[in-house]
């Protein structure tokens, strides 16, 4: 499953502040075995940041993105996270030099 999380930043939040926040939580997320990959992003023109998560186990997304996680986003960045979830179908991976299809999860 792919999960896209976005949230609005407080006015004037810099790239350096967004990057510092990402560094602060990166080791925590690297220790989550069900998380395949998390890619952080920032759009300074729209004042938005977030991440794209690739989960091996969709139920893990529910466990890790609970009320406490939502509250931490609000406390750190000042807005509620918006969460979109999608079933993965296929990855064309240039880094690994392969294409991988994923089974349906529903």
PDB file of N, CA and C in Angstrom:
ATOM      1  N   UNK A   1       0.836  -1.175   0.000  1.00  0.00           N
ATOM      2  CA  UNK A   1       0.000   0.000   0.000  1.00  0.00           C
ATOM      3  C   UNK A   1       0.885   1.243   0.000  1.00  0.00           C
ATOM      4  N   UNK A   2       0.451   2.231  -0.727  1.00  0.00           N
ATOM      5  CA  UNK A   2       1.092   3.548  -0.719  1.00  0.00           C
ATOM      6  C   UNK A   2       0.181   4.486   0.067  1.00  0.00           C
ATOM      7  N   UNK A   3       0.804   5.281   0.904  1.00  0.00           N
ATOM      8  CA  UNK A   3       0.069   6.265   1.693  1.00  0.00           C
ATOM      9  C   UNK A   3       0.738   7.623   1.469  1.00  0.00           C
ATOM     10  N   UNK A   4      -0.057   8.604   1.098  1.00  0.00           N
ATOM     11  CA  UNK A   4       0.456   9.958   0.898  1.00  0.00           C
ATOM     12  C   UNK A   4      -0.126  10.843   1.987  1.00  0.00           C
ATOM     13  N   UNK A   5       0.769  11.437   2.769  1.00  0.00           N
ATOM     14  CA  UNK A   5       0.367  12.294   3.885  1.00  0.00           C
ATOM     15  C   UNK A   5       0.855  13.708   3.582  1.00  0.00           C
ATOM     16  N   UNK A   6      -0.048  14.672   3.660  1.00  0.00           N
ATOM     17  CA  UNK A   6       0.322  16.081   3.497  1.00  0.00           C
ATOM     18  C   UNK A   6      -0.231  16.878   4.664  1.00  0.00           C
ATOM     19  N   UNK A   7       0.432  17.996   4.940  1.00  0.00           N
ATOM     20  CA  UNK A   7      -0.063  18.905   5.967  1.00  0.00           C
ATOM     21  C   UNK A   7       0.421  20.307   5.647  1.00  0.00           C
ATOM     22  N   UNK A   8      -0.373  21.285   6.059  1.00  0.00           N
ATOM     23  CA  UNK A   8      -0.020  22.681   5.857  1.00  0.00           C
ATOM     24  C   UNK A   8       0.995  23.094   6.915  1.00  0.00           C
ATOM     25  N   UNK A   9       1.937  23.911   6.500  1.00  0.00           N
ATOM     26  CA  UNK A   9       2.955  24.416   7.416  1.00  0.00           C
ATOM     27  C   UNK A   9       2.540  25.766   7.969  1.00  0.00           C
ATOM     28  N   UNK A  10       3.073  26.099   9.121  1.00  0.00           N
ATOM     29  CA  UNK A  10       2.853  27.438   9.653  1.00  0.00           C
ATOM     30  C   UNK A  10       3.500  28.443   8.693  1.00  0.00           C
ATOM     31  N   UNK A  11       2.914  29.607   8.500  1.00  0.00           N
ATOM     32  CA  UNK A  11       3.517  30.614   7.622  1.00  0.00           C
ATOM     33  C   UNK A  11       4.957  30.910   8.047  1.00  0.00           C
ATOM     34  N   UNK A  12       5.837  30.989   7.058  1.00  0.00           N
ATOM     35  CA  UNK A  12       7.237  31.306   7.316  1.00  0.00           C
ATOM     36  C   UNK A  12       8.120  30.118   7.628  1.00  0.00           C
ATOM     37  N   UNK A  13       7.542  28.899   7.655  1.00  0.00           N
ATOM     38  CA  UNK A  13       8.357  27.708   7.918  1.00  0.00           C
ATOM     39  C   UNK A  13       9.362  27.526   6.791  1.00  0.00           C
ATOM     40  N   UNK A  14      10.620  27.345   7.140  1.00  0.00           N
ATOM     41  CA  UNK A  14      11.684  27.232   6.140  1.00  0.00           C
ATOM     42  C   UNK A  14      11.945  25.771   5.773  1.00  0.00           C
ATOM     43  N   UNK A  15      12.630  25.586   4.662  1.00  0.00           N
ATOM     44  CA  UNK A  15      13.046  24.248   4.240  1.00  0.00           C
ATOM     45  C   UNK A  15      13.912  23.612   5.325  1.00  0.00           C
ATOM     46  N   UNK A  16      14.782  24.399   5.917  1.00  0.00           N
ATOM     47  CA  UNK A  16      15.665  23.886   6.960  1.00  0.00           C
ATOM     48  C   UNK A  16      14.873  23.356   8.149  1.00  0.00           C
ATOM     49  N   UNK A  17      13.786  24.025   8.507  1.00  0.00           N
ATOM     50  CA  UNK A  17      12.938  23.554   9.606  1.00  0.00           C
ATOM     51  C   UNK A  17      12.226  22.256   9.230  1.00  0.00           C
ATOM     52  N   UNK A  18      11.751  22.185   7.988  1.00  0.00           N
ATOM     53  CA  UNK A  18      11.092  20.967   7.518  1.00  0.00           C
ATOM     54  C   UNK A  18      12.094  19.813   7.507  1.00  0.00           C
ATOM     55  N   UNK A  19      13.302  20.076   7.004  1.00  0.00           N
ATOM     56  CA  UNK A  19      14.336  19.056   6.952  1.00  0.00           C
ATOM     57  C   UNK A  19      14.745  18.606   8.354  1.00  0.00           C
ATOM     58  N   UNK A  20      14.840  19.543   9.279  1.00  0.00           N
ATOM     59  CA  UNK A  20      15.181  19.189  10.668  1.00  0.00           C
ATOM     60  C   UNK A  20      14.115  18.275  11.267  1.00  0.00           C
ATOM     61  N   UNK A  21      12.848  18.557  10.980  1.00  0.00           N
ATOM     62  CA  UNK A  21      11.771  17.699  11.463  1.00  0.00           C
ATOM     63  C   UNK A  21      11.853  16.297  10.879  1.00  0.00           C
ATOM     64  N   UNK A  22      12.212  16.205   9.596  1.00  0.00           N
ATOM     65  CA  UNK A  22      12.356  14.898   8.952  1.00  0.00           C
ATOM     66  C   UNK A  22      13.509  14.120   9.580  1.00  0.00           C
ATOM     67  N   UNK A  23      14.632  14.782   9.793  1.00  0.00           N
ATOM     68  CA  UNK A  23      15.774  14.118  10.429  1.00  0.00           C
ATOM     69  C   UNK A  23      15.422  13.636  11.838  1.00  0.00           C
ATOM     70  N   UNK A  24      14.618  14.414  12.527  1.00  0.00           N
ATOM     71  CA  UNK A  24      14.253  14.085  13.912  1.00  0.00           C
ATOM     72  C   UNK A  24      13.514  12.748  14.007  1.00  0.00           C
ATOM     73  N   UNK A  25      12.708  12.415  12.987  1.00  0.00           N
ATOM     74  CA  UNK A  25      11.893  11.196  13.046  1.00  0.00           C
ATOM     75  C   UNK A  25      12.398  10.072  12.141  1.00  0.00           C
ATOM     76  N   UNK A  26      13.412  10.333  11.338  1.00  0.00           N
ATOM     77  CA  UNK A  26      13.866   9.335  10.356  1.00  0.00           C
ATOM     78  C   UNK A  26      14.277   8.014  11.008  1.00  0.00           C
ATOM     79  N   UNK A  27      15.050   8.063  12.092  1.00  0.00           N
ATOM     80  CA  UNK A  27      15.483   6.819  12.727  1.00  0.00           C
ATOM     81  C   UNK A  27      14.307   6.026  13.287  1.00  0.00           C
ATOM     82  N   UNK A  28      13.314   6.729  13.812  1.00  0.00           N
ATOM     83  CA  UNK A  28      12.109   6.043  14.312  1.00  0.00           C
ATOM     84  C   UNK A  28      11.458   5.254  13.186  1.00  0.00           C
ATOM     85  N   UNK A  29      11.299   5.886  12.031  1.00  0.00           N
ATOM     86  CA  UNK A  29      10.639   5.225  10.909  1.00  0.00           C
ATOM     87  C   UNK A  29      11.505   4.125  10.317  1.00  0.00           C
ATOM     88  N   UNK A  30      12.814   4.273  10.356  1.00  0.00           N
ATOM     89  CA  UNK A  30      13.703   3.217   9.845  1.00  0.00           C
ATOM     90  C   UNK A  30      13.600   1.964  10.699  1.00  0.00           C
ATOM     91  N   UNK A  31      13.155   2.098  11.933  1.00  0.00           N
ATOM     92  CA  UNK A  31      13.031   0.953  12.841  1.00  0.00           C
ATOM     93  C   UNK A  31      11.684   0.235  12.725  1.00  0.00           C
ATOM     94  N   UNK A  32      10.792   0.714  11.867  1.00  0.00           N
ATOM     95  CA  UNK A  32       9.470   0.094  11.701  1.00  0.00           C
ATOM     96  C   UNK A  32       9.573  -0.991  10.628  1.00  0.00           C
ATOM     97  N   UNK A  33       9.491  -2.273  11.014  1.00  0.00           N
ATOM     98  CA  UNK A  33       9.729  -3.345  10.042  1.00  0.00           C
ATOM     99  C   UNK A  33       8.707  -3.415   8.901  1.00  0.00           C
ATOM    100  N   UNK A  34       7.467  -2.988   9.144  1.00  0.00           N
ATOM    101  CA  UNK A  34       6.433  -3.057   8.093  1.00  0.00           C
ATOM    102  C   UNK A  34       6.532  -1.907   7.098  1.00  0.00           C
ATOM    103  N   UNK A  35       7.358  -0.919   7.396  1.00  0.00           N
ATOM    104  CA  UNK A  35       7.520   0.224   6.490  1.00  0.00           C
ATOM    105  C   UNK A  35       8.657  -0.078   5.520  1.00  0.00           C
ATOM    106  N   UNK A  36       8.331  -0.131   4.240  1.00  0.00           N
ATOM    107  CA  UNK A  36       9.333  -0.400   3.211  1.00  0.00           C
ATOM    108  C   UNK A  36      10.154   0.848   2.941  1.00  0.00           C
ATOM    109  N   UNK A  37       9.470   1.986   2.800  1.00  0.00           N
ATOM    110  CA  UNK A  37      10.149   3.230   2.445  1.00  0.00           C
ATOM    111  C   UNK A  37       9.282   4.407   2.844  1.00  0.00           C
ATOM    112  N   UNK A  38       9.939   5.484   3.252  1.00  0.00           N
ATOM    113  CA  UNK A  38       9.248   6.748   3.518  1.00  0.00           C
ATOM    114  C   UNK A  38      10.047   7.844   2.829  1.00  0.00           C
ATOM    115  N   UNK A  39       9.393   8.578   1.954  1.00  0.00           N
ATOM    116  CA  UNK A  39      10.028   9.689   1.237  1.00  0.00           C
ATOM    117  C   UNK A  39       9.381  10.989   1.698  1.00  0.00           C
ATOM    118  N   UNK A  40      10.179  11.865   2.290  1.00  0.00           N
ATOM    119  CA  UNK A  40       9.695  13.157   2.769  1.00  0.00           C
ATOM    120  C   UNK A  40       9.705  14.167   1.620  1.00  0.00           C
ATOM    121  N   UNK A  41       8.767  15.123   1.640  1.00  0.00           N
ATOM    122  CA  UNK A  41       8.764  16.170   0.615  1.00  0.00           C
ATOM    123  C   UNK A  41       8.296  17.495   1.196  1.00  0.00           C
ATOM    124  N   UNK A  42       8.525  18.549   0.422  1.00  0.00           N
ATOM    125  CA  UNK A  42       8.197  19.917   0.851  1.00  0.00           C
ATOM    126  C   UNK A  42       7.895  20.747  -0.384  1.00  0.00           C
ATOM    127  N   UNK A  43       6.818  21.503  -0.350  1.00  0.00           N
ATOM    128  CA  UNK A  43       6.479  22.445  -1.409  1.00  0.00           C
ATOM    129  C   UNK A  43       6.416  23.837  -0.785  1.00  0.00           C
ATOM    130  N   UNK A  44       7.519  24.595  -0.857  1.00  0.00           N
ATOM    131  CA  UNK A  44       7.548  25.900  -0.189  1.00  0.00           C
ATOM    132  C   UNK A  44       6.565  26.908  -0.782  1.00  0.00           C
ATOM    133  N   UNK A  45       6.264  26.798  -2.058  1.00  0.00           N
ATOM    134  CA  UNK A  45       5.336  27.755  -2.672  1.00  0.00           C
ATOM    135  C   UNK A  45       3.922  27.596  -2.123  1.00  0.00           C
ATOM    136  N   UNK A  46       3.504  26.395  -1.833  1.00  0.00           N
ATOM    137  CA  UNK A  46       2.167  26.148  -1.289  1.00  0.00           C
ATOM    138  C   UNK A  46       2.163  26.054   0.227  1.00  0.00           C
ATOM    139  N   UNK A  47       3.363  26.025   0.855  1.00  0.00           N
ATOM    140  CA  UNK A  47       3.426  25.899   2.307  1.00  0.00           C
ATOM    141  C   UNK A  47       2.953  24.551   2.802  1.00  0.00           C
ATOM    142  N   UNK A  48       3.339  23.502   2.072  1.00  0.00           N
ATOM    143  CA  UNK A  48       2.899  22.142   2.363  1.00  0.00           C
ATOM    144  C   UNK A  48       4.128  21.240   2.493  1.00  0.00           C
ATOM    145  N   UNK A  49       4.035  20.273   3.361  1.00  0.00           N
ATOM    146  CA  UNK A  49       5.054  19.230   3.472  1.00  0.00           C
ATOM    147  C   UNK A  49       4.339  17.911   3.715  1.00  0.00           C
ATOM    148  N   UNK A  50       5.113  16.830   3.737  1.00  0.00           N
ATOM    149  CA  UNK A  50       4.520  15.526   3.993  1.00  0.00           C
ATOM    150  C   UNK A  50       5.461  14.413   3.629  1.00  0.00           C
ATOM    151  N   UNK A  51       4.872  13.245   3.394  1.00  0.00           N
ATOM    152  CA  UNK A  51       5.670  12.070   3.069  1.00  0.00           C
ATOM    153  C   UNK A  51       4.837  11.071   2.281  1.00  0.00           C
ATOM    154  N   UNK A  52       5.549  10.255   1.532  1.00  0.00           N
ATOM    155  CA  UNK A  52       4.952   9.112   0.850  1.00  0.00           C
ATOM    156  C   UNK A  52       5.495   7.868   1.544  1.00  0.00           C
ATOM    157  N   UNK A  53       4.597   7.038   2.017  1.00  0.00           N
ATOM    158  CA  UNK A  53       4.956   5.813   2.720  1.00  0.00           C
ATOM    159  C   UNK A  53       4.650   4.619   1.819  1.00  0.00           C
ATOM    160  N   UNK A  54       5.525   3.649   1.814  1.00  0.00           N
ATOM    161  CA  UNK A  54       5.238   2.367   1.183  1.00  0.00           C
ATOM    162  C   UNK A  54       5.225   1.324   2.293  1.00  0.00           C
ATOM    163  N   UNK A  55       4.043   0.758   2.517  1.00  0.00           N
ATOM    164  CA  UNK A  55       3.848  -0.202   3.600  1.00  0.00           C
ATOM    165  C   UNK A  55       3.793  -1.624   3.068  1.00  0.00           C
ATOM    166  N   UNK A  56       4.463  -2.562   3.750  1.00  0.00           N
ATOM    167  CA  UNK A  56       4.355  -3.984   3.427  1.00  0.00           C
ATOM    168  C   UNK A  56       3.051  -4.552   3.966  1.00  0.00           C
ATOM    169  N   UNK A  57       2.575  -3.967   5.057  1.00  0.00           N
ATOM    170  CA  UNK A  57       1.365  -4.448   5.740  1.00  0.00           C
ATOM    171  C   UNK A  57       0.425  -3.260   5.953  1.00  0.00           C
ATOM    172  N   UNK A  58      -0.703  -3.202   5.229  1.00  0.00           N
ATOM    173  CA  UNK A  58      -1.611  -2.071   5.390  1.00  0.00           C
ATOM    174  C   UNK A  58      -2.106  -1.870   6.816  1.00  0.00           C
ATOM    175  N   UNK A  59      -2.249  -2.923   7.582  1.00  0.00           N
ATOM    176  CA  UNK A  59      -2.699  -2.775   8.970  1.00  0.00           C
ATOM    177  C   UNK A  59      -1.668  -2.008   9.795  1.00  0.00           C
ATOM    178  N   UNK A  60      -0.403  -2.093   9.405  1.00  0.00           N
ATOM    179  CA  UNK A  60       0.642  -1.353  10.121  1.00  0.00           C
ATOM    180  C   UNK A  60       0.430   0.151   9.993  1.00  0.00           C
ATOM    181  N   UNK A  61      -0.045   0.586   8.843  1.00  0.00           N
ATOM    182  CA  UNK A  61      -0.316   2.019   8.659  1.00  0.00           C
ATOM    183  C   UNK A  61      -1.338   2.497   9.689  1.00  0.00           C
ATOM    184  N   UNK A  62      -2.342   1.679   9.945  1.00  0.00           N
ATOM    185  CA  UNK A  62      -3.341   2.032  10.961  1.00  0.00           C
ATOM    186  C   UNK A  62      -2.722   2.081  12.353  1.00  0.00           C
ATOM    187  N   UNK A  63      -1.856   1.125  12.647  1.00  0.00           N
ATOM    188  CA  UNK A  63      -1.225   1.084  13.975  1.00  0.00           C
ATOM    189  C   UNK A  63      -0.297   2.272  14.189  1.00  0.00           C
ATOM    190  N   UNK A  64       0.475   2.634  13.175  1.00  0.00           N
ATOM    191  CA  UNK A  64       1.469   3.700  13.318  1.00  0.00           C
ATOM    192  C   UNK A  64       0.883   5.087  13.127  1.00  0.00           C
ATOM    193  N   UNK A  65      -0.175   5.188  12.362  1.00  0.00           N
ATOM    194  CA  UNK A  65      -0.801   6.496  12.115  1.00  0.00           C
ATOM    195  C   UNK A  65      -2.093   6.604  12.916  1.00  0.00           C
ATOM    196  N   UNK A  66      -1.918   6.607  14.210  1.00  0.00           N
ATOM    197  CA  UNK A  66      -3.032   6.642  15.146  1.00  0.00           C
ATOM    198  C   UNK A  66      -3.280   8.078  15.632  1.00  0.00           C
ATOM    199  N   UNK A  67      -4.110   8.224  16.635  1.00  0.00           N
ATOM    200  CA  UNK A  67      -4.444   9.551  17.163  1.00  0.00           C
ATOM    201  C   UNK A  67      -3.212  10.266  17.715  1.00  0.00           C
ATOM    202  N   UNK A  68      -2.319   9.535  18.362  1.00  0.00           N
ATOM    203  CA  UNK A  68      -1.096  10.164  18.898  1.00  0.00           C
ATOM    204  C   UNK A  68      -0.215  10.704  17.781  1.00  0.00           C
ATOM    205  N   UNK A  69      -0.106   9.958  16.681  1.00  0.00           N
ATOM    206  CA  UNK A  69       0.672  10.422  15.521  1.00  0.00           C
ATOM    207  C   UNK A  69       0.044  11.695  14.952  1.00  0.00           C
ATOM    208  N   UNK A  70      -1.281  11.692  14.787  1.00  0.00           N
ATOM    209  CA  UNK A  70      -1.965  12.889  14.270  1.00  0.00           C
ATOM    210  C   UNK A  70      -1.708  14.090  15.180  1.00  0.00           C
ATOM    211  N   UNK A  71      -1.790  13.870  16.483  1.00  0.00           N
ATOM    212  CA  UNK A  71      -1.556  14.954  17.441  1.00  0.00           C
ATOM    213  C   UNK A  71      -0.129  15.484  17.332  1.00  0.00           C
ATOM    214  N   UNK A  72       0.835  14.602  17.067  1.00  0.00           N
ATOM    215  CA  UNK A  72       2.226  15.053  16.940  1.00  0.00           C
ATOM    216  C   UNK A  72       2.421  15.925  15.700  1.00  0.00           C
ATOM    217  N   UNK A  73       1.696  15.634  14.633  1.00  0.00           N
ATOM    218  CA  UNK A  73       1.764  16.470  13.425  1.00  0.00           C
ATOM    219  C   UNK A  73       1.186  17.847  13.731  1.00  0.00           C
ATOM    220  N   UNK A  74       0.045  17.876  14.396  1.00  0.00           N
ATOM    221  CA  UNK A  74      -0.592  19.151  14.748  1.00  0.00           C
ATOM    222  C   UNK A  74       0.327  19.964  15.650  1.00  0.00           C
ATOM    223  N   UNK A  75       0.916  19.313  16.646  1.00  0.00           N
ATOM    224  CA  UNK A  75       1.799  20.020  17.576  1.00  0.00           C
ATOM    225  C   UNK A  75       3.048  20.560  16.870  1.00  0.00           C
ATOM    226  N   UNK A  76       3.632  19.757  15.993  1.00  0.00           N
ATOM    227  CA  UNK A  76       4.885  20.147  15.333  1.00  0.00           C
ATOM    228  C   UNK A  76       4.665  21.164  14.221  1.00  0.00           C
ATOM    229  N   UNK A  77       3.626  20.957  13.396  1.00  0.00           N
ATOM    230  CA  UNK A  77       3.458  21.771  12.194  1.00  0.00           C
ATOM    231  C   UNK A  77       2.240  22.688  12.207  1.00  0.00           C
ATOM    232  N   UNK A  78       1.316  22.472  13.142  1.00  0.00           N
ATOM    233  CA  UNK A  78       0.188  23.375  13.270  1.00  0.00           C
ATOM    234  C   UNK A  78      -1.028  23.049  12.438  1.00  0.00           C
ATOM    235  N   UNK A  79      -1.064  21.853  11.829  1.00  0.00           N
ATOM    236  CA  UNK A  79      -2.257  21.501  11.050  1.00  0.00           C
ATOM    237  C   UNK A  79      -2.476  19.988  11.067  1.00  0.00           C
ATOM    238  N   UNK A  80      -3.706  19.597  10.822  1.00  0.00           N
ATOM    239  CA  UNK A  80      -4.073  18.181  10.736  1.00  0.00           C
ATOM    240  C   UNK A  80      -3.480  17.570   9.474  1.00  0.00           C
ATOM    241  N   UNK A  81      -2.975  16.349   9.558  1.00  0.00           N
ATOM    242  CA  UNK A  81      -2.498  15.686   8.347  1.00  0.00           C
ATOM    243  C   UNK A  81      -3.669  15.214   7.487  1.00  0.00           C
ATOM    244  N   UNK A  82      -3.447  15.258   6.183  1.00  0.00           N
ATOM    245  CA  UNK A  82      -4.395  14.693   5.214  1.00  0.00           C
ATOM    246  C   UNK A  82      -3.779  13.387   4.713  1.00  0.00           C
ATOM    247  N   UNK A  83      -4.557  12.306   4.743  1.00  0.00           N
ATOM    248  CA  UNK A  83      -4.029  10.987   4.413  1.00  0.00           C
ATOM    249  C   UNK A  83      -4.813  10.399   3.252  1.00  0.00           C
ATOM    250  N   UNK A  84      -4.061   9.971   2.233  1.00  0.00           N
ATOM    251  CA  UNK A  84      -4.645   9.260   1.093  1.00  0.00           C
ATOM    252  C   UNK A  84      -3.956   7.909   1.000  1.00  0.00           C
ATOM    253  N   UNK A  85      -4.738   6.858   0.749  1.00  0.00           N
ATOM    254  CA  UNK A  85      -4.180   5.509   0.630  1.00  0.00           C
ATOM    255  C   UNK A  85      -4.552   4.900  -0.713  1.00  0.00           C
ATOM    256  N   UNK A  86      -3.572   4.199  -1.278  1.00  0.00           N
ATOM    257  CA  UNK A  86      -3.757   3.565  -2.581  1.00  0.00           C
ATOM    258  C   UNK A  86      -3.168   2.159  -2.567  1.00  0.00           C
ATOM    259  N   UNK A  87      -3.826   1.268  -3.239  1.00  0.00           N
ATOM    260  CA  UNK A  87      -3.286  -0.067  -3.430  1.00  0.00           C
ATOM    261  C   UNK A  87      -2.184   0.005  -4.474  1.00  0.00           C
ATOM    262  N   UNK A  88      -1.042  -0.583  -4.183  1.00  0.00           N
ATOM    263  CA  UNK A  88       0.051  -0.606  -5.156  1.00  0.00           C
ATOM    264  C   UNK A  88      -0.254  -1.649  -6.212  1.00  0.00           C
ATOM    265  N   UNK A  89       0.077  -1.327  -7.444  1.00  0.00           N
ATOM    266  CA  UNK A  89      -0.111  -2.294  -8.524  1.00  0.00           C
ATOM    267  C   UNK A  89       1.223  -2.756  -9.100  1.00  0.00           C
ATOM    268  N   UNK A  90       2.129  -1.814  -9.366  1.00  0.00           N
ATOM    269  CA  UNK A  90       3.382  -2.168 -10.022  1.00  0.00           C
ATOM    270  C   UNK A  90       4.432  -1.107  -9.725  1.00  0.00           C
ATOM    271  N   UNK A  91       5.676  -1.531  -9.587  1.00  0.00           N
ATOM    272  CA  UNK A  91       6.793  -0.600  -9.451  1.00  0.00           C
ATOM    273  C   UNK A  91       7.780  -0.865 -10.572  1.00  0.00           C
ATOM    274  N   UNK A  92       8.159   0.172 -11.284  1.00  0.00           N
ATOM    275  CA  UNK A  92       9.268   0.124 -12.243  1.00  0.00           C
ATOM    276  C   UNK A  92      10.454   0.744 -11.516  1.00  0.00           C
ATOM    277  N   UNK A  93      11.349  -0.088 -11.000  1.00  0.00           N
ATOM    278  CA  UNK A  93      12.436   0.353 -10.130  1.00  0.00           C
ATOM    279  C   UNK A  93      13.748   0.430 -10.904  1.00  0.00           C
ATOM    280  N   UNK A  94      14.164   1.633 -11.236  1.00  0.00           N
ATOM    281  CA  UNK A  94      15.417   1.816 -11.971  1.00  0.00           C
ATOM    282  C   UNK A  94      16.631   1.548 -11.096  1.00  0.00           C
ATOM    283  N   UNK A  95      16.545   1.853  -9.816  1.00  0.00           N
ATOM    284  CA  UNK A  95      17.672   1.631  -8.917  1.00  0.00           C
ATOM    285  C   UNK A  95      18.011   0.141  -8.806  1.00  0.00           C
ATOM    286  N   UNK A  96      16.983  -0.687  -8.668  1.00  0.00           N
ATOM    287  CA  UNK A  96      17.197  -2.133  -8.569  1.00  0.00           C
ATOM    288  C   UNK A  96      17.178  -2.827  -9.926  1.00  0.00           C
ATOM    289  N   UNK A  97      16.781  -2.106 -10.962  1.00  0.00           N
ATOM    290  CA  UNK A  97      16.752  -2.667 -12.304  1.00  0.00           C
ATOM    291  C   UNK A  97      15.701  -3.743 -12.492  1.00  0.00           C
ATOM    292  N   UNK A  98      14.522  -3.526 -11.904  1.00  0.00           N
ATOM    293  CA  UNK A  98      13.469  -4.534 -12.044  1.00  0.00           C
ATOM    294  C   UNK A  98      12.088  -3.895 -12.004  1.00  0.00           C
ATOM    295  N   UNK A  99      11.122  -4.648 -12.474  1.00  0.00           N
ATOM    296  CA  UNK A  99       9.719  -4.274 -12.387  1.00  0.00           C
ATOM    297  C   UNK A  99       9.045  -5.307 -11.497  1.00  0.00           C
ATOM    298  N   UNK A 100       8.267  -4.822 -10.534  1.00  0.00           N
ATOM    299  CA  UNK A 100       7.641  -5.726  -9.575  1.00  0.00           C
ATOM    300  C   UNK A 100       6.146  -5.450  -9.500  1.00  0.00           C
ATOM    301  N   UNK A 101       5.348  -6.503  -9.661  1.00  0.00           N
ATOM    302  CA  UNK A 101       3.887  -6.402  -9.566  1.00  0.00           C
ATOM    303  C   UNK A 101       3.472  -6.815  -8.153  1.00  0.00           C
ATOM    304  N   UNK A 102       2.429  -6.170  -7.642  1.00  0.00           N
ATOM    305  CA  UNK A 102       1.928  -6.449  -6.304  1.00  0.00           C
ATOM    306  C   UNK A 102       0.528  -7.032  -6.371  1.00  0.00           C
ATOM    307  N   UNK A 103       0.222  -7.995  -5.497  1.00  0.00           N
ATOM    308  CA  UNK A 103      -1.125  -8.582  -5.478  1.00  0.00           C
ATOM    309  C   UNK A 103      -2.122  -7.601  -4.871  1.00  0.00           C
ATOM    310  N   UNK A 104      -3.384  -7.828  -5.174  1.00  0.00           N
ATOM    311  CA  UNK A 104      -4.458  -7.034  -4.579  1.00  0.00           C
ATOM    312  C   UNK A 104      -4.468  -7.256  -3.072  1.00  0.00           C
ATOM    313  N   UNK A 105      -4.810  -6.215  -2.322  1.00  0.00           N
ATOM    314  CA  UNK A 105      -4.848  -6.345  -0.862  1.00  0.00           C
ATOM    315  C   UNK A 105      -6.260  -6.409  -0.316  1.00  0.00           C
ATOM    316  N   UNK A 106      -7.252  -6.301  -1.162  1.00  0.00           N
ATOM    317  CA  UNK A 106      -8.645  -6.326  -0.683  1.00  0.00           C
ATOM    318  C   UNK A 106      -9.309  -7.621  -0.969  1.00  0.00           C
TER     319      UNK A 106
END
